[in-house]
Amino acid sequence: MTRHIACLHTAASNVPLFDAACPPGVTLHHTLRADLLAEAEAAGGLTPAIAARTAAAIEALAAPGIDAVLLTCSTLGPSLAQARATIPLRRADAALAEAARRAGGRLVVLCAVETTLGPTGALFGPGCEIRLVPGAWAAFRAGDAAGYARMVAEAADAAFAEGADCVALAQASMAPAAALCRRGTPLTSPAASLAALA
């Protein structure tokens, strides 16, 4: 039986990342709301008004025939707490945090954009180190996907070199960096969240 998962993205580049990580027996339905992340960045973070609009967008995706809704944006993640539906509603980064806790050991979580530092820190808790990858988000916004992935991979390799047992890439957009790492394989939210929902 095929499971149908509706994904709410804030970056178009996340669509192929989740498609690539999609396990057999799962069909993804993608919705893009780049405006929500743009508003959060302009406001310096998630505001109650943006959270309410995000929750409404999540609820709208919980339609007949959909088995679960997945919010893939870490900045907007806390909005999920306001959404109401009769089907599972899931944050991609929450599944990532659970996978990281199962891995155990010293954990380093990498973020690319400042607006996700607070939500990510609250989600992963005090037992990990949250690091911002300098310049990465500017490269992403400029369309330099290769440079963005390279910077994230270098930061992950540095964390592994410094003794991290597990490195988690907090944002879905960071997933391509995992294939570039040389000192270890970081956890990514597309793989972790879809495995949890499958």
Protein backbone atom coordinates (compact mmCIF):
# COMPACT_ATOMS: atom_id res chain seq x y z
CA MET A 1 0.00 0.00 0.00
CA THR A 2 1.41 3.37 -1.04
CA ARG A 3 1.72 6.10 1.59
CA HIS A 4 1.05 9.64 0.35
CA ILE A 5 3.02 12.38 2.10
CA ALA A 6 2.44 16.08 1.47
CA CYS A 7 5.63 18.14 1.83
CA LEU A 8 5.62 21.87 2.57
CA HIS A 9 8.88 23.41 1.34
CA THR A 10 10.24 26.96 1.44
CA ALA A 11 12.98 26.37 -1.15
CA ALA A 12 12.39 24.81 -4.58
CA SER A 13 15.78 23.11 -4.39
CA ASN A 14 14.47 20.91 -1.55
CA VAL A 15 12.02 19.13 -3.84
CA PRO A 16 14.63 16.98 -5.65
CA LEU A 17 16.42 16.28 -2.35
CA PHE A 18 13.31 14.70 -0.86
CA ASP A 19 12.48 12.92 -4.11
CA ALA A 20 15.98 11.40 -4.09
CA ALA A 21 15.57 10.24 -0.48
CA CYS A 22 12.04 8.87 -0.99
CA PRO A 23 11.80 5.18 -0.06
CA PRO A 24 9.77 2.60 -2.01
CA GLY A 25 6.06 2.62 -1.25
CA VAL A 26 5.93 6.36 -0.61
CA THR A 27 4.61 9.05 -2.95
CA LEU A 28 5.46 12.67 -2.23
CA HIS A 29 3.26 15.66 -3.04
CA HIS A 30 5.20 18.95 -3.00
CA THR A 31 3.99 22.46 -2.14
CA LEU A 32 6.34 25.46 -2.24
CA ARG A 33 5.86 28.48 0.04
CA ALA A 34 9.09 30.44 -0.30
CA ASP A 35 7.23 33.54 0.88
CA LEU A 36 6.98 32.22 4.44
CA LEU A 37 10.74 31.82 4.83
CA ALA A 38 11.38 35.16 3.14
CA GLU A 39 9.09 36.84 5.67
CA ALA A 40 10.81 35.09 8.57
CA GLU A 41 14.23 36.16 7.32
CA ALA A 42 13.04 39.76 6.92
CA ALA A 43 11.60 39.69 10.44
CA GLY A 44 14.76 38.19 11.93
CA GLY A 45 13.03 34.94 12.81
CA LEU A 46 9.66 33.28 13.17
CA THR A 47 6.91 35.64 14.36
CA PRO A 48 3.46 34.64 15.70
CA ALA A 49 1.82 35.90 12.49
CA ILE A 50 4.15 33.90 10.24
CA ALA A 51 3.70 30.84 12.45
CA ALA A 52 -0.08 31.15 12.14
CA ARG A 53 0.10 31.39 8.33
CA THR A 54 2.44 28.40 8.24
CA ALA A 55 0.10 26.36 10.44
CA ALA A 56 -2.80 27.21 8.11
CA ALA A 57 -0.75 26.11 5.10
CA ILE A 58 0.06 22.82 6.84
CA GLU A 59 -3.59 22.21 7.70
CA ALA A 60 -4.60 22.88 4.09
CA LEU A 61 -2.32 20.04 2.94
CA ALA A 62 -3.97 17.52 5.28
CA ALA A 63 -6.49 16.63 2.57
CA PRO A 64 -8.27 13.34 1.82
CA GLY A 65 -5.83 10.78 0.42
CA ILE A 66 -2.84 12.25 2.29
CA ASP A 67 -1.39 10.07 5.06
CA ALA A 68 0.96 12.64 6.62
CA VAL A 69 2.22 16.20 6.18
CA LEU A 70 5.94 16.96 6.41
CA LEU A 71 7.24 20.49 7.07
CA THR A 72 10.76 20.61 5.64
CA CYS A 73 11.82 24.11 6.76
CA SER A 74 13.71 24.24 10.06
CA THR A 75 13.12 27.98 10.56
CA LEU A 76 9.34 27.48 10.43
CA GLY A 77 9.42 24.20 12.38
CA PRO A 78 7.84 25.51 15.62
CA SER A 79 4.73 26.49 13.62
CA LEU A 80 3.76 22.84 13.49
CA ALA A 81 2.68 22.98 17.14
CA GLN A 82 -0.21 25.26 16.15
CA ALA A 83 -1.50 23.10 13.29
CA ARG A 84 -4.42 20.74 13.82
CA ALA A 85 -5.26 17.73 11.67
CA THR A 86 -6.44 14.14 11.99
CA ILE A 87 -3.32 12.81 10.23
CA PRO A 88 0.31 12.91 11.43
CA LEU A 89 2.05 16.28 11.06
CA ARG A 90 5.81 16.06 11.16
CA ARG A 91 8.87 18.32 11.20
CA ALA A 92 11.71 17.00 9.05
CA ASP A 93 14.27 18.28 11.56
CA ALA A 94 12.47 16.56 14.45
CA ALA A 95 13.11 13.19 12.81
CA LEU A 96 16.71 14.30 12.31
CA ALA A 97 17.05 15.12 16.01
CA GLU A 98 15.64 11.70 16.93
CA ALA A 99 18.11 9.97 14.61
CA ALA A 100 20.97 11.97 16.13
CA ARG A 101 19.93 11.02 19.67
CA ARG A 102 19.86 7.35 18.67
CA ALA A 103 23.39 7.69 17.24
CA GLY A 104 24.66 8.91 20.62
CA GLY A 105 28.03 10.38 21.48
CA ARG A 106 29.20 13.94 20.96
CA LEU A 107 26.81 15.71 18.61
CA VAL A 108 27.45 18.78 16.45
CA VAL A 109 24.53 20.31 14.56
CA LEU A 110 25.29 22.57 11.61
CA CYS A 111 23.00 25.40 10.51
CA ALA A 112 23.38 27.60 7.45
CA VAL A 113 21.02 30.46 8.30
CA GLU A 114 20.77 32.43 11.54
CA THR A 115 16.96 32.25 11.70
CA THR A 116 17.14 28.50 12.33
CA LEU A 117 19.59 28.66 15.25
CA GLY A 118 16.86 29.18 17.86
CA PRO A 119 14.40 26.56 16.59
CA THR A 120 17.21 24.05 16.06
CA GLY A 121 18.71 24.61 19.49
CA ALA A 122 15.31 24.17 21.13
CA LEU A 123 14.66 20.99 19.17
CA PHE A 124 18.00 19.26 19.72
CA GLY A 125 18.35 20.38 23.34
CA PRO A 126 21.33 21.35 25.50
CA GLY A 127 23.33 18.19 24.95
CA CYS A 128 24.67 19.23 21.55
CA GLU A 129 26.71 21.98 19.98
CA ILE A 130 24.95 24.18 17.40
CA ARG A 131 27.23 25.80 14.83
CA LEU A 132 26.50 28.33 12.09
CA VAL A 133 28.40 27.78 8.83
CA PRO A 134 29.66 31.29 7.97
CA GLY A 135 28.87 32.49 4.46
CA ALA A 136 26.93 29.37 3.51
CA TRP A 137 23.49 30.96 3.31
CA ALA A 138 24.79 33.86 1.24
CA ALA A 139 26.15 31.33 -1.24
CA PHE A 140 22.81 29.50 -1.28
CA ARG A 141 20.88 32.71 -1.85
CA ALA A 142 23.26 33.65 -4.66
CA GLY A 143 22.53 30.37 -6.44
CA ASP A 144 25.97 28.88 -5.76
CA ALA A 145 24.77 25.39 -4.87
CA ALA A 146 28.22 23.85 -5.29
CA GLY A 147 29.88 26.43 -3.07
CA TYR A 148 27.14 26.06 -0.49
CA ALA A 149 27.54 22.29 -0.34
CA ARG A 150 31.33 22.60 -0.19
CA MET A 151 31.22 25.02 2.76
CA VAL A 152 28.84 22.78 4.68
CA ALA A 153 30.95 19.69 3.95
CA GLU A 154 34.09 21.47 5.14
CA ALA A 155 32.34 22.45 8.37
CA ALA A 156 31.15 18.87 8.88
CA ASP A 157 34.64 17.48 8.26
CA ALA A 158 36.05 19.98 10.75
CA ALA A 159 33.53 18.84 13.37
CA PHE A 160 34.43 15.19 12.80
CA ALA A 161 38.13 16.07 12.99
CA GLU A 162 37.53 17.78 16.33
CA GLY A 163 36.01 14.62 17.80
CA ALA A 164 32.31 14.76 16.97
CA ASP A 165 30.75 11.29 16.95
CA CYS A 166 27.73 12.51 15.01
CA VAL A 167 27.16 15.55 12.80
CA ALA A 168 23.64 16.56 11.81
CA LEU A 169 22.84 18.95 8.97
CA ALA A 170 19.90 20.90 10.37
CA GLN A 171 18.47 22.22 7.11
CA ALA A 172 17.20 20.05 4.28
CA SER A 173 19.04 22.19 1.74
CA MET A 174 22.35 21.06 3.27
CA ALA A 175 21.83 17.39 2.34
CA PRO A 176 24.04 17.38 -0.82
CA ALA A 177 27.04 18.19 1.39
CA ALA A 178 26.91 14.72 2.95
CA ALA A 179 28.30 13.14 -0.21
CA LEU A 180 31.28 15.51 -0.15
CA CYS A 181 32.40 14.75 3.40
CA ARG A 182 35.66 12.84 3.84
CA ARG A 183 35.86 12.25 7.59
CA GLY A 184 32.38 10.88 8.25
CA THR A 185 28.83 10.83 6.98
CA PRO A 186 26.54 13.43 8.53
CA LEU A 187 22.84 12.83 9.11
CA THR A 188 20.42 14.68 6.83
CA SER A 189 16.77 15.57 7.33
CA PRO A 190 15.38 14.28 4.00
CA ALA A 191 16.64 10.75 4.69
CA ALA A 192 15.80 10.79 8.40
CA SER A 193 12.28 12.20 8.06
CA LEU A 194 11.18 10.01 5.16
CA ALA A 195 12.55 6.90 6.86
CA ALA A 196 10.53 7.79 9.96
CA LEU A 197 7.32 8.33 7.98
CA ALA A 198 7.72 5.27 5.76
